[in-house]
Amino acid sequence: MSDLPPDLPRLRTLEHWLVLSLERVRHQIAEVETREAALRAPLRQLQEGPGWVLSFLSEGGRLVADSVHICDCRLAARHRKLLSRDEARRALTDGGIRACGICRPDSELGILD
């Protein structure tokens, strides 16, 4: 025995309701997919080429490596050197250079604290 109505008018009404419901579900799916894609997208787009800089401070008249920044960070010192991705990773992991606490190049490079 079927749980569907036996007559055509009620079947057409049910069909119409199901079509409307399916459209609402598909619309909701599209919204959720858009939201999730935005969460997976990078927070900032890095420019082509070197995306990081090594910032130097002047101590006693000589420049001393201080910190690694993302290239557009306004906190990087006036004296700086462009770094490749690998150079920035090495500076933060092997070189003992600190990461800027504002632009967080260590996060962008996938280095855990």
N, C-alpha and C. Protein backbone atom coordinates (compact mmCIF):
# COMPACT_ATOMS: atom_id res chain seq x y z
N MET A 1 0.85 -1.17 0.00
CA MET A 1 0.00 0.00 0.00
C MET A 1 0.90 1.24 0.00
N SER A 2 0.57 2.21 -0.83
CA SER A 2 1.33 3.43 -0.99
C SER A 2 0.85 4.50 -0.02
N ASP A 3 1.80 5.32 0.45
CA ASP A 3 1.41 6.42 1.33
C ASP A 3 1.16 7.71 0.54
N LEU A 4 1.13 7.60 -0.78
CA LEU A 4 0.84 8.74 -1.64
C LEU A 4 -0.66 8.83 -1.89
N PRO A 5 -1.16 10.07 -2.14
CA PRO A 5 -2.60 10.18 -2.42
C PRO A 5 -2.95 9.49 -3.74
N PRO A 6 -4.17 8.98 -3.87
CA PRO A 6 -4.56 8.23 -5.06
C PRO A 6 -5.02 9.09 -6.23
N ASP A 7 -5.36 10.36 -5.98
CA ASP A 7 -5.94 11.16 -7.07
C ASP A 7 -4.91 12.14 -7.64
N LEU A 8 -5.12 12.48 -8.91
CA LEU A 8 -4.20 13.33 -9.65
C LEU A 8 -4.04 14.74 -9.08
N PRO A 9 -5.08 15.44 -8.69
CA PRO A 9 -4.89 16.80 -8.15
C PRO A 9 -3.98 16.84 -6.93
N ARG A 10 -4.17 15.91 -6.01
CA ARG A 10 -3.31 15.90 -4.82
C ARG A 10 -1.89 15.47 -5.16
N LEU A 11 -1.74 14.54 -6.12
CA LEU A 11 -0.40 14.15 -6.56
C LEU A 11 0.33 15.34 -7.20
N ARG A 12 -0.39 16.15 -8.01
CA ARG A 12 0.21 17.34 -8.64
C ARG A 12 0.60 18.36 -7.57
N THR A 13 -0.23 18.52 -6.55
CA THR A 13 0.08 19.43 -5.45
C THR A 13 1.33 18.97 -4.71
N LEU A 14 1.40 17.69 -4.43
CA LEU A 14 2.57 17.12 -3.77
C LEU A 14 3.82 17.30 -4.63
N GLU A 15 3.69 17.05 -5.94
CA GLU A 15 4.81 17.24 -6.86
C GLU A 15 5.30 18.69 -6.82
N HIS A 16 4.38 19.63 -6.88
CA HIS A 16 4.73 21.05 -6.86
C HIS A 16 5.46 21.40 -5.55
N TRP A 17 4.95 20.91 -4.43
CA TRP A 17 5.59 21.17 -3.14
C TRP A 17 6.99 20.58 -3.09
N LEU A 18 7.17 19.39 -3.64
CA LEU A 18 8.49 18.75 -3.65
C LEU A 18 9.47 19.53 -4.52
N VAL A 19 9.01 20.03 -5.67
CA VAL A 19 9.87 20.83 -6.54
C VAL A 19 10.32 22.10 -5.81
N LEU A 20 9.39 22.79 -5.16
CA LEU A 20 9.74 23.99 -4.40
C LEU A 20 10.71 23.66 -3.26
N SER A 21 10.47 22.56 -2.58
CA SER A 21 11.37 22.16 -1.49
C SER A 21 12.76 21.84 -2.01
N LEU A 22 12.83 21.14 -3.14
CA LEU A 22 14.12 20.82 -3.73
C LEU A 22 14.88 22.08 -4.12
N GLU A 23 14.18 23.08 -4.67
CA GLU A 23 14.82 24.35 -5.03
C GLU A 23 15.37 25.04 -3.78
N ARG A 24 14.60 25.02 -2.69
CA ARG A 24 15.08 25.63 -1.44
C ARG A 24 16.32 24.92 -0.91
N VAL A 25 16.31 23.59 -0.97
CA VAL A 25 17.46 22.82 -0.50
C VAL A 25 18.69 23.11 -1.37
N ARG A 26 18.51 23.15 -2.68
CA ARG A 26 19.64 23.44 -3.57
C ARG A 26 20.18 24.85 -3.35
N HIS A 27 19.29 25.80 -3.10
CA HIS A 27 19.72 27.17 -2.81
C HIS A 27 20.54 27.20 -1.51
N GLN A 28 20.07 26.49 -0.50
CA GLN A 28 20.80 26.43 0.77
C GLN A 28 22.15 25.76 0.61
N ILE A 29 22.22 24.70 -0.18
CA ILE A 29 23.48 24.02 -0.46
C ILE A 29 24.46 24.99 -1.12
N ALA A 30 24.00 25.76 -2.08
CA ALA A 30 24.86 26.73 -2.77
C ALA A 30 25.39 27.78 -1.80
N GLU A 31 24.55 28.25 -0.88
CA GLU A 31 25.00 29.24 0.11
C GLU A 31 26.06 28.65 1.03
N VAL A 32 25.85 27.43 1.49
CA VAL A 32 26.81 26.79 2.39
C VAL A 32 28.13 26.53 1.65
N GLU A 33 28.05 26.08 0.41
CA GLU A 33 29.28 25.86 -0.36
C GLU A 33 30.05 27.16 -0.55
N THR A 34 29.37 28.26 -0.81
CA THR A 34 30.03 29.55 -0.97
C THR A 34 30.70 29.97 0.33
N ARG A 35 30.00 29.81 1.44
CA ARG A 35 30.55 30.15 2.76
C ARG A 35 31.79 29.32 3.08
N GLU A 36 31.71 28.01 2.82
CA GLU A 36 32.84 27.13 3.12
C GLU A 36 34.02 27.41 2.20
N ALA A 37 33.76 27.75 0.94
CA ALA A 37 34.85 28.09 0.02
C ALA A 37 35.55 29.36 0.49
N ALA A 38 34.81 30.30 1.02
CA ALA A 38 35.41 31.55 1.53
C ALA A 38 36.29 31.25 2.74
N LEU A 39 35.93 30.28 3.56
CA LEU A 39 36.74 29.93 4.72
C LEU A 39 38.03 29.23 4.31
N ARG A 40 37.99 28.49 3.20
CA ARG A 40 39.19 27.80 2.73
C ARG A 40 40.11 28.69 1.94
N ALA A 41 39.62 29.82 1.46
CA ALA A 41 40.43 30.72 0.65
C ALA A 41 41.49 31.38 1.53
N PRO A 42 42.66 31.65 0.96
CA PRO A 42 43.69 32.33 1.74
C PRO A 42 43.20 33.70 2.18
N LEU A 43 43.66 34.13 3.35
CA LEU A 43 43.25 35.42 3.88
C LEU A 43 43.78 36.58 3.06
N ARG A 44 44.94 36.41 2.48
CA ARG A 44 45.50 37.46 1.65
C ARG A 44 46.21 36.82 0.46
N GLN A 45 46.22 37.53 -0.62
CA GLN A 45 46.89 37.07 -1.81
C GLN A 45 48.30 37.65 -1.82
N LEU A 46 49.29 36.80 -1.82
CA LEU A 46 50.67 37.28 -1.86
C LEU A 46 51.05 37.60 -3.29
N GLN A 47 51.87 38.64 -3.44
CA GLN A 47 52.32 39.02 -4.77
C GLN A 47 53.24 37.95 -5.33
N GLU A 48 53.44 37.98 -6.64
CA GLU A 48 54.35 37.05 -7.27
C GLU A 48 55.78 37.34 -6.81
N GLY A 49 56.62 36.33 -6.84
CA GLY A 49 58.01 36.52 -6.42
C GLY A 49 58.11 36.42 -4.91
N PRO A 50 59.16 37.03 -4.35
CA PRO A 50 59.35 36.94 -2.91
C PRO A 50 58.16 37.53 -2.16
N GLY A 51 57.64 36.79 -1.23
CA GLY A 51 56.49 37.24 -0.48
C GLY A 51 56.82 37.57 0.96
N TRP A 52 58.11 37.49 1.32
CA TRP A 52 58.52 37.73 2.70
C TRP A 52 59.74 38.62 2.71
N VAL A 53 59.93 39.30 3.83
CA VAL A 53 61.12 40.15 3.97
C VAL A 53 61.76 39.89 5.32
N LEU A 54 63.08 40.01 5.33
CA LEU A 54 63.86 39.96 6.55
C LEU A 54 64.13 41.40 6.93
N SER A 55 63.69 41.78 8.11
CA SER A 55 63.81 43.15 8.58
C SER A 55 65.07 43.26 9.45
N PHE A 56 65.84 44.33 9.23
CA PHE A 56 67.08 44.56 9.98
C PHE A 56 66.94 45.79 10.85
N LEU A 57 67.52 45.73 12.05
CA LEU A 57 67.59 46.88 12.93
C LEU A 57 69.05 47.33 13.02
N SER A 58 69.25 48.59 13.27
CA SER A 58 70.59 49.13 13.39
C SER A 58 71.00 49.11 14.86
N GLU A 59 72.07 48.41 15.16
CA GLU A 59 72.61 48.34 16.52
C GLU A 59 74.08 48.72 16.48
N GLY A 60 74.40 49.84 17.10
CA GLY A 60 75.79 50.28 17.13
C GLY A 60 76.37 50.54 15.76
N GLY A 61 75.54 51.03 14.85
CA GLY A 61 76.02 51.35 13.50
C GLY A 61 76.05 50.18 12.53
N ARG A 62 75.69 48.98 12.98
CA ARG A 62 75.64 47.85 12.05
C ARG A 62 74.24 47.26 12.04
N LEU A 63 73.88 46.65 10.90
CA LEU A 63 72.54 46.08 10.74
C LEU A 63 72.51 44.66 11.29
N VAL A 64 71.47 44.39 12.07
CA VAL A 64 71.30 43.07 12.69
C VAL A 64 69.92 42.54 12.27
N ALA A 65 69.89 41.28 11.79
CA ALA A 65 68.63 40.67 11.39
C ALA A 65 67.70 40.62 12.60
N ASP A 66 66.47 41.10 12.41
CA ASP A 66 65.54 41.20 13.53
C ASP A 66 64.34 40.27 13.40
N SER A 67 63.61 40.35 12.27
CA SER A 67 62.37 39.60 12.17
C SER A 67 61.98 39.37 10.71
N VAL A 68 61.15 38.35 10.52
CA VAL A 68 60.61 38.03 9.20
C VAL A 68 59.18 38.56 9.15
N HIS A 69 58.83 39.18 8.02
CA HIS A 69 57.50 39.74 7.82
C HIS A 69 56.95 39.29 6.47
N ILE A 70 55.64 39.34 6.30
CA ILE A 70 55.04 39.21 4.99
C ILE A 70 55.35 40.51 4.26
N CYS A 71 55.58 40.44 2.97
CA CYS A 71 56.14 41.57 2.21
C CYS A 71 55.39 42.88 2.36
N ASP A 72 54.08 42.84 2.58
CA ASP A 72 53.33 44.10 2.67
C ASP A 72 53.15 44.60 4.10
N CYS A 73 53.82 43.99 5.06
CA CYS A 73 53.69 44.40 6.46
C CYS A 73 54.34 45.76 6.67
N ARG A 74 53.60 46.66 7.27
CA ARG A 74 54.09 48.02 7.50
C ARG A 74 55.02 48.10 8.71
N LEU A 75 55.14 47.02 9.46
CA LEU A 75 56.01 47.04 10.63
C LEU A 75 57.44 46.64 10.32
N ALA A 76 57.68 46.16 9.11
CA ALA A 76 59.05 45.81 8.72
C ALA A 76 59.90 47.08 8.72
N ALA A 77 61.13 46.96 9.20
CA ALA A 77 62.03 48.11 9.28
C ALA A 77 62.37 48.61 7.88
N ARG A 78 62.95 49.80 7.85
CA ARG A 78 63.34 50.41 6.57
C ARG A 78 64.39 49.56 5.85
N HIS A 79 65.29 48.98 6.64
CA HIS A 79 66.32 48.11 6.06
C HIS A 79 65.75 46.70 6.00
N ARG A 80 65.66 46.16 4.79
CA ARG A 80 65.06 44.85 4.62
C ARG A 80 65.65 44.13 3.43
N LYS A 81 65.45 42.82 3.42
CA LYS A 81 65.92 41.96 2.32
C LYS A 81 64.76 41.06 1.92
N LEU A 82 64.48 41.00 0.62
CA LEU A 82 63.43 40.11 0.12
C LEU A 82 63.86 38.66 0.30
N LEU A 83 62.92 37.83 0.69
CA LEU A 83 63.19 36.40 0.91
C LEU A 83 62.24 35.55 0.08
N SER A 84 62.74 34.42 -0.36
CA SER A 84 61.86 33.43 -1.00
C SER A 84 61.14 32.66 0.11
N ARG A 85 60.21 31.83 -0.27
CA ARG A 85 59.48 31.02 0.71
C ARG A 85 60.44 30.15 1.52
N ASP A 86 61.37 29.48 0.86
CA ASP A 86 62.32 28.60 1.55
C ASP A 86 63.24 29.39 2.47
N GLU A 87 63.72 30.54 2.00
CA GLU A 87 64.59 31.37 2.83
C GLU A 87 63.86 31.85 4.08
N ALA A 88 62.61 32.23 3.93
CA ALA A 88 61.82 32.69 5.08
C ALA A 88 61.62 31.55 6.07
N ARG A 89 61.31 30.36 5.58
CA ARG A 89 61.14 29.19 6.46
C ARG A 89 62.42 28.88 7.21
N ARG A 90 63.55 28.91 6.49
CA ARG A 90 64.84 28.64 7.14
C ARG A 90 65.18 29.69 8.19
N ALA A 91 64.91 30.95 7.88
CA ALA A 91 65.19 32.03 8.84
C ALA A 91 64.39 31.83 10.12
N LEU A 92 63.15 31.40 9.99
CA LEU A 92 62.29 31.23 11.16
C LEU A 92 62.58 29.94 11.93
N THR A 93 63.00 28.91 11.23
CA THR A 93 63.21 27.63 11.91
C THR A 93 64.66 27.41 12.31
N ASP A 94 65.58 27.63 11.39
CA ASP A 94 66.99 27.35 11.66
C ASP A 94 67.78 28.60 12.04
N GLY A 95 67.33 29.75 11.57
CA GLY A 95 68.10 30.97 11.76
C GLY A 95 67.86 31.68 13.07
N GLY A 96 66.87 31.25 13.83
CA GLY A 96 66.61 31.89 15.11
C GLY A 96 66.02 33.28 15.00
N ILE A 97 65.48 33.62 13.85
CA ILE A 97 64.86 34.92 13.64
C ILE A 97 63.40 34.82 14.04
N ARG A 98 62.89 35.85 14.69
CA ARG A 98 61.50 35.82 15.15
C ARG A 98 60.55 36.20 14.02
N ALA A 99 59.32 35.75 14.14
CA ALA A 99 58.26 36.11 13.20
C ALA A 99 57.54 37.33 13.73
N CYS A 100 57.13 38.21 12.84
CA CYS A 100 56.33 39.37 13.24
C CYS A 100 55.04 38.87 13.88
N GLY A 101 54.69 39.44 15.02
CA GLY A 101 53.49 39.03 15.73
C GLY A 101 52.21 39.59 15.14
N ILE A 102 52.33 40.51 14.19
CA ILE A 102 51.15 41.12 13.58
C ILE A 102 50.80 40.45 12.26
N CYS A 103 51.75 40.38 11.32
CA CYS A 103 51.44 39.79 10.01
C CYS A 103 51.57 38.27 10.00
N ARG A 104 52.20 37.69 11.01
CA ARG A 104 52.30 36.25 11.22
C ARG A 104 52.77 35.45 10.00
N PRO A 105 54.02 35.71 9.54
CA PRO A 105 54.52 34.94 8.40
C PRO A 105 54.67 33.46 8.73
N ASP A 106 54.85 33.13 10.01
CA ASP A 106 54.96 31.72 10.39
C ASP A 106 53.66 30.98 10.11
N SER A 107 52.53 31.63 10.29
CA SER A 107 51.24 31.00 9.97
C SER A 107 51.09 30.82 8.48
N GLU A 108 51.44 31.85 7.71
CA GLU A 108 51.34 31.77 6.25
C GLU A 108 52.24 30.68 5.69
N LEU A 109 53.37 30.44 6.37
CA LEU A 109 54.33 29.43 5.90
C LEU A 109 54.04 28.04 6.46
N GLY A 110 53.05 27.95 7.31
CA GLY A 110 52.68 26.64 7.87
C GLY A 110 53.61 26.16 8.98
N ILE A 111 54.29 27.10 9.63
CA ILE A 111 55.19 26.73 10.73
C ILE A 111 54.41 26.87 12.03
N LEU A 112 54.37 25.80 12.80
CA LEU A 112 53.64 25.85 14.08
C LEU A 112 54.52 26.48 15.14
N ASP A 113 53.87 27.22 16.04
CA ASP A 113 54.61 27.83 17.14
C ASP A 113 55.05 26.80 18.13
